[in-house]
Amino acid sequence: RTWKNKVPQVGALAKQLGKTLALRPHRINQLDDEDGKALPQDMQTYERQEEEDFVHLAAEVHGHMVVAERRVVFVNVARLMPRVAPVEDIRHRAEFLQTVYRKPLSADALSPYGRIDAQVHDPESRKAAEFLLDTVIPQLAATMTRVEKAKPSLSFSSKLPPTPTSTPPTTPKG
């Protein structure tokens, strides 16, 4: 896993990837894989707050060194980005964090792995989601409406597929 690296190349690439994706290094709550409960405090390895104790990607992402091919492979990347809400498994997009929000977030915010320092990371992820929902999306909708009014040939609504309740247009047979 990326949080227990024995191969320095995997850790270095995880750190580089985390920076590229605007992910904040963070400590994790190590869970028992069998029942999802936290391991006892004395069995967890994050007690010292040194750089090697911080993870740079989500705790569930695994990095593997493929020696024969001289490359590193990361798996389980579907959970790479931070959650938008604790209940829904909706994730922030890297493009949003890199170019719009521009503040790194913990990849394990709002997750069981992120219980350590949750009082810092969870509100930050919620704040980013509120900014997306309350500011970015309404601004995008307003921009699309202005463009559609100014240039009817760029109508966004005419390019949408028919909804399931509507009847698709019929084409003459012939």
C-alpha atoms as a PDB file:
ATOM      1  CA  ARG A   1       0.000   0.000   0.000  1.00  0.00           C
ATOM      2  CA  THR A   2       1.071   3.587  -0.442  1.00  0.00           C
ATOM      3  CA  TRP A   3       1.088   4.106   3.333  1.00  0.00           C
ATOM      4  CA  LYS A   4       3.453   1.219   4.088  1.00  0.00           C
ATOM      5  CA  ASN A   5       6.097   1.492   1.396  1.00  0.00           C
ATOM      6  CA  LYS A   6       9.142  -0.673   1.435  1.00  0.00           C
ATOM      7  CA  VAL A   7      10.102   0.426  -2.083  1.00  0.00           C
ATOM      8  CA  PRO A   8      11.282   4.074  -2.160  1.00  0.00           C
ATOM      9  CA  GLN A   9      10.275   4.522  -5.823  1.00  0.00           C
ATOM     10  CA  VAL A  10       6.614   3.798  -5.000  1.00  0.00           C
ATOM     11  CA  GLY A  11       6.590   6.345  -2.168  1.00  0.00           C
ATOM     12  CA  ALA A  12       8.337   8.978  -4.299  1.00  0.00           C
ATOM     13  CA  LEU A  13       5.860   8.539  -7.157  1.00  0.00           C
ATOM     14  CA  ALA A  14       2.897   8.599  -4.742  1.00  0.00           C
ATOM     15  CA  LYS A  15       4.201  11.892  -3.315  1.00  0.00           C
ATOM     16  CA  GLN A  16       4.690  13.361  -6.802  1.00  0.00           C
ATOM     17  CA  LEU A  17       1.233  12.199  -7.936  1.00  0.00           C
ATOM     18  CA  GLY A  18      -0.374  13.639  -4.801  1.00  0.00           C
ATOM     19  CA  LYS A  19       1.180  17.051  -5.469  1.00  0.00           C
ATOM     20  CA  THR A  20       0.103  16.945  -9.125  1.00  0.00           C
ATOM     21  CA  LEU A  21      -3.493  16.141  -8.151  1.00  0.00           C
ATOM     22  CA  ALA A  22      -3.596  18.819  -5.395  1.00  0.00           C
ATOM     23  CA  LEU A  23      -3.865  16.264  -2.600  1.00  0.00           C
ATOM     24  CA  ARG A  24      -2.656  17.182   0.871  1.00  0.00           C
ATOM     25  CA  PRO A  25      -0.354  14.766   2.734  1.00  0.00           C
ATOM     26  CA  HIS A  26      -2.186  13.420   5.757  1.00  0.00           C
ATOM     27  CA  ARG A  27      -2.101  10.818   8.504  1.00  0.00           C
ATOM     28  CA  ILE A  28      -4.560   7.960   8.275  1.00  0.00           C
ATOM     29  CA  ASN A  29      -6.552   5.819  10.635  1.00  0.00           C
ATOM     30  CA  GLN A  30      -5.440   2.304   9.811  1.00  0.00           C
ATOM     31  CA  LEU A  31      -8.374  -0.075   9.630  1.00  0.00           C
ATOM     32  CA  ASP A  32      -8.533  -3.790  10.161  1.00  0.00           C
ATOM     33  CA  ASP A  33      -9.238  -5.100   6.644  1.00  0.00           C
ATOM     34  CA  GLU A  34     -11.566  -7.802   7.948  1.00  0.00           C
ATOM     35  CA  ASP A  35     -14.200  -5.766   9.765  1.00  0.00           C
ATOM     36  CA  GLY A  36     -13.443  -2.130   8.863  1.00  0.00           C
ATOM     37  CA  LYS A  37     -12.850  -1.162  12.504  1.00  0.00           C
ATOM     38  CA  ALA A  38      -9.831   0.838  13.579  1.00  0.00           C
ATOM     39  CA  LEU A  39      -6.788  -1.125  14.698  1.00  0.00           C
ATOM     40  CA  PRO A  40      -5.799  -0.651  18.351  1.00  0.00           C
ATOM     41  CA  GLN A  41      -3.674   2.454  18.895  1.00  0.00           C
ATOM     42  CA  ASP A  42      -0.527   0.436  19.690  1.00  0.00           C
ATOM     43  CA  MET A  43      -0.757  -1.402  16.349  1.00  0.00           C
ATOM     44  CA  GLN A  44      -0.966   1.747  14.229  1.00  0.00           C
ATOM     45  CA  THR A  45       2.157   3.213  12.675  1.00  0.00           C
ATOM     46  CA  TYR A  46       1.307   6.934  12.559  1.00  0.00           C
ATOM     47  CA  GLU A  47       2.336   7.792  16.106  1.00  0.00           C
ATOM     48  CA  ARG A  48       5.390   9.846  15.086  1.00  0.00           C
ATOM     49  CA  GLN A  49       4.529  12.904  13.032  1.00  0.00           C
ATOM     50  CA  GLU A  50       7.383  12.617  10.583  1.00  0.00           C
ATOM     51  CA  GLU A  51       7.078  12.903   6.822  1.00  0.00           C
ATOM     52  CA  GLU A  52       7.174   9.134   6.309  1.00  0.00           C
ATOM     53  CA  ASP A  53       4.105   8.828   8.528  1.00  0.00           C
ATOM     54  CA  PHE A  54       1.984  10.865   6.120  1.00  0.00           C
ATOM     55  CA  VAL A  55       0.329   9.440   3.025  1.00  0.00           C
ATOM     56  CA  HIS A  56       0.076  11.384  -0.199  1.00  0.00           C
ATOM     57  CA  LEU A  57      -2.778   9.477  -1.835  1.00  0.00           C
ATOM     58  CA  ALA A  58      -5.946   7.848  -0.500  1.00  0.00           C
ATOM     59  CA  ALA A  59      -5.250   5.038   1.948  1.00  0.00           C
ATOM     60  CA  GLU A  60      -7.084   2.563  -0.283  1.00  0.00           C
ATOM     61  CA  VAL A  61      -4.780   3.167  -3.255  1.00  0.00           C
ATOM     62  CA  HIS A  62      -2.109   0.499  -3.592  1.00  0.00           C
ATOM     63  CA  GLY A  63       1.235   1.071  -5.301  1.00  0.00           C
ATOM     64  CA  HIS A  64       3.223  -1.865  -6.658  1.00  0.00           C
ATOM     65  CA  MET A  65       6.675  -2.022  -8.193  1.00  0.00           C
ATOM     66  CA  VAL A  66       6.718  -4.239 -11.300  1.00  0.00           C
ATOM     67  CA  VAL A  67      10.407  -5.142 -11.245  1.00  0.00           C
ATOM     68  CA  ALA A  68      10.501  -7.013 -14.569  1.00  0.00           C
ATOM     69  CA  GLU A  69       9.061  -3.998 -16.393  1.00  0.00           C
ATOM     70  CA  ARG A  70      10.804  -1.391 -14.197  1.00  0.00           C
ATOM     71  CA  ARG A  71       7.616   0.561 -13.496  1.00  0.00           C
ATOM     72  CA  VAL A  72       5.204   1.359 -10.687  1.00  0.00           C
ATOM     73  CA  VAL A  73       1.510   0.529 -10.946  1.00  0.00           C
ATOM     74  CA  PHE A  74      -1.185   2.099  -8.754  1.00  0.00           C
ATOM     75  CA  VAL A  75      -4.431   0.158  -8.287  1.00  0.00           C
ATOM     76  CA  ASN A  76      -7.786   0.980  -6.686  1.00  0.00           C
ATOM     77  CA  VAL A  77      -7.547   4.534  -8.000  1.00  0.00           C
ATOM     78  CA  ALA A  78     -11.337   4.936  -8.167  1.00  0.00           C
ATOM     79  CA  ARG A  79     -11.071   6.258  -4.602  1.00  0.00           C
ATOM     80  CA  LEU A  80      -8.067   8.465  -5.294  1.00  0.00           C
ATOM     81  CA  MET A  81      -9.784  11.846  -4.963  1.00  0.00           C
ATOM     82  CA  PRO A  82     -11.457  13.276  -1.814  1.00  0.00           C
ATOM     83  CA  ARG A  83     -15.155  12.700  -1.199  1.00  0.00           C
ATOM     84  CA  VAL A  84     -17.680  15.477  -1.705  1.00  0.00           C
ATOM     85  CA  ALA A  85     -19.983  14.118   1.026  1.00  0.00           C
ATOM     86  CA  PRO A  86     -19.577  11.371   3.633  1.00  0.00           C
ATOM     87  CA  VAL A  87     -22.647   9.370   2.572  1.00  0.00           C
ATOM     88  CA  GLU A  88     -22.432   9.546  -1.199  1.00  0.00           C
ATOM     89  CA  ASP A  89     -19.373   8.123  -2.881  1.00  0.00           C
ATOM     90  CA  ILE A  90     -18.978  11.192  -5.072  1.00  0.00           C
ATOM     91  CA  ARG A  91     -15.426  12.455  -5.487  1.00  0.00           C
ATOM     92  CA  HIS A  92     -13.919  15.837  -6.256  1.00  0.00           C
ATOM     93  CA  ARG A  93     -12.365  16.017  -9.723  1.00  0.00           C
ATOM     94  CA  ALA A  94      -8.647  16.719  -9.987  1.00  0.00           C
ATOM     95  CA  GLU A  95      -9.326  19.484 -12.519  1.00  0.00           C
ATOM     96  CA  PHE A  96     -11.520  21.311  -9.985  1.00  0.00           C
ATOM     97  CA  LEU A  97      -8.889  21.101  -7.242  1.00  0.00           C
ATOM     98  CA  GLN A  98      -6.000  22.034  -9.547  1.00  0.00           C
ATOM     99  CA  THR A  99      -7.472  24.950 -11.479  1.00  0.00           C
ATOM    100  CA  VAL A 100     -10.505  26.305  -9.619  1.00  0.00           C
ATOM    101  CA  TYR A 101     -10.301  25.557  -5.886  1.00  0.00           C
ATOM    102  CA  ARG A 102      -6.485  25.580  -5.744  1.00  0.00           C
ATOM    103  CA  LYS A 103      -6.237  24.278  -2.180  1.00  0.00           C
ATOM    104  CA  PRO A 104      -5.021  20.730  -1.578  1.00  0.00           C
ATOM    105  CA  LEU A 105      -7.454  18.410   0.177  1.00  0.00           C
ATOM    106  CA  SER A 106      -6.884  15.153   2.018  1.00  0.00           C
ATOM    107  CA  ALA A 107      -7.786  12.193  -0.197  1.00  0.00           C
ATOM    108  CA  ASP A 108      -9.182  10.450   2.899  1.00  0.00           C
ATOM    109  CA  ALA A 109     -11.418  13.289   4.081  1.00  0.00           C
ATOM    110  CA  LEU A 110     -14.919  12.149   5.045  1.00  0.00           C
ATOM    111  CA  SER A 111     -13.833   8.498   5.056  1.00  0.00           C
ATOM    112  CA  PRO A 112     -13.123   5.987   7.831  1.00  0.00           C
ATOM    113  CA  TYR A 113      -9.399   6.220   7.037  1.00  0.00           C
ATOM    114  CA  GLY A 114      -9.478   9.967   7.624  1.00  0.00           C
ATOM    115  CA  ARG A 115     -10.515   9.916  11.277  1.00  0.00           C
ATOM    116  CA  ILE A 116      -7.103  11.247  12.297  1.00  0.00           C
ATOM    117  CA  ASP A 117      -7.193  15.049  11.904  1.00  0.00           C
ATOM    118  CA  ALA A 118     -10.785  14.773  10.625  1.00  0.00           C
ATOM    119  CA  GLN A 119     -11.561  18.058  12.389  1.00  0.00           C
ATOM    120  CA  VAL A 120      -9.236  19.732   9.849  1.00  0.00           C
ATOM    121  CA  HIS A 121      -9.723  17.686   6.665  1.00  0.00           C
ATOM    122  CA  ASP A 122     -13.486  17.014   6.707  1.00  0.00           C
ATOM    123  CA  PRO A 123     -14.576  20.686   6.937  1.00  0.00           C
ATOM    124  CA  GLU A 124     -12.125  21.585   4.151  1.00  0.00           C
ATOM    125  CA  SER A 125     -13.644  18.972   1.843  1.00  0.00           C
ATOM    126  CA  ARG A 126     -17.166  20.160   2.717  1.00  0.00           C
ATOM    127  CA  LYS A 127     -16.138  23.770   2.083  1.00  0.00           C
ATOM    128  CA  ALA A 128     -14.792  22.799  -1.358  1.00  0.00           C
ATOM    129  CA  ALA A 129     -18.078  21.005  -2.137  1.00  0.00           C
ATOM    130  CA  GLU A 130     -20.103  24.042  -1.044  1.00  0.00           C
ATOM    131  CA  PHE A 131     -17.941  26.280  -3.233  1.00  0.00           C
ATOM    132  CA  LEU A 132     -18.508  23.946  -6.178  1.00  0.00           C
ATOM    133  CA  LEU A 133     -22.266  23.715  -5.642  1.00  0.00           C
ATOM    134  CA  ASP A 134     -22.956  27.305  -4.566  1.00  0.00           C
ATOM    135  CA  THR A 135     -20.506  29.223  -6.777  1.00  0.00           C
ATOM    136  CA  VAL A 136     -18.895  27.298  -9.614  1.00  0.00           C
ATOM    137  CA  ILE A 137     -21.946  25.434 -10.952  1.00  0.00           C
ATOM    138  CA  PRO A 138     -24.281  28.480 -10.860  1.00  0.00           C
ATOM    139  CA  GLN A 139     -21.606  30.581 -12.597  1.00  0.00           C
ATOM    140  CA  LEU A 140     -21.204  27.899 -15.266  1.00  0.00           C
ATOM    141  CA  ALA A 141     -24.976  27.703 -15.761  1.00  0.00           C
ATOM    142  CA  ALA A 142     -25.197  31.507 -16.099  1.00  0.00           C
ATOM    143  CA  THR A 143     -22.342  31.519 -18.615  1.00  0.00           C
ATOM    144  CA  MET A 144     -23.974  28.755 -20.654  1.00  0.00           C
ATOM    145  CA  THR A 145     -27.272  30.681 -20.667  1.00  0.00           C
ATOM    146  CA  ARG A 146     -25.538  33.885 -21.845  1.00  0.00           C
ATOM    147  CA  VAL A 147     -23.701  32.012 -24.601  1.00  0.00           C
ATOM    148  CA  GLU A 148     -26.897  30.273 -25.707  1.00  0.00           C
ATOM    149  CA  LYS A 149     -28.764  33.600 -25.907  1.00  0.00           C
ATOM    150  CA  ALA A 150     -25.929  35.323 -27.767  1.00  0.00           C
ATOM    151  CA  LYS A 151     -25.325  32.463 -30.192  1.00  0.00           C
ATOM    152  CA  PRO A 152     -28.427  30.309 -30.686  1.00  0.00           C
ATOM    153  CA  SER A 153     -26.408  28.033 -32.971  1.00  0.00           C
ATOM    154  CA  LEU A 154     -24.483  26.953 -29.853  1.00  0.00           C
ATOM    155  CA  SER A 155     -27.636  25.875 -28.045  1.00  0.00           C
ATOM    156  CA  PHE A 156     -26.698  23.435 -25.313  1.00  0.00           C
ATOM    157  CA  SER A 157     -30.228  22.188 -24.686  1.00  0.00           C
ATOM    158  CA  SER A 158     -30.724  21.136 -28.312  1.00  0.00           C
ATOM    159  CA  LYS A 159     -27.737  18.804 -28.002  1.00  0.00           C
ATOM    160  CA  LEU A 160     -29.128  16.920 -25.004  1.00  0.00           C
ATOM    161  CA  PRO A 161     -30.521  13.419 -25.553  1.00  0.00           C
ATOM    162  CA  PRO A 162     -34.272  12.986 -25.035  1.00  0.00           C
ATOM    163  CA  THR A 163     -35.303  12.274 -21.468  1.00  0.00           C
ATOM    164  CA  PRO A 164     -36.828   8.852 -20.745  1.00  0.00           C
ATOM    165  CA  THR A 165     -40.283  10.402 -20.246  1.00  0.00           C
ATOM    166  CA  SER A 166     -40.259  12.279 -23.545  1.00  0.00           C
ATOM    167  CA  THR A 167     -41.040  10.709 -26.894  1.00  0.00           C
ATOM    168  CA  PRO A 168     -38.115  10.695 -29.290  1.00  0.00           C
ATOM    169  CA  PRO A 169     -38.738  12.510 -32.580  1.00  0.00           C
ATOM    170  CA  THR A 170     -40.054  10.286 -35.327  1.00  0.00           C
ATOM    171  CA  THR A 171     -38.263  10.090 -38.627  1.00  0.00           C
ATOM    172  CA  PRO A 172     -40.172   9.631 -41.869  1.00  0.00           C
ATOM    173  CA  LYS A 173     -39.843   6.152 -43.300  1.00  0.00           C
ATOM    174  CA  GLY A 174     -39.142   5.992 -46.880  1.00  0.00           C
END
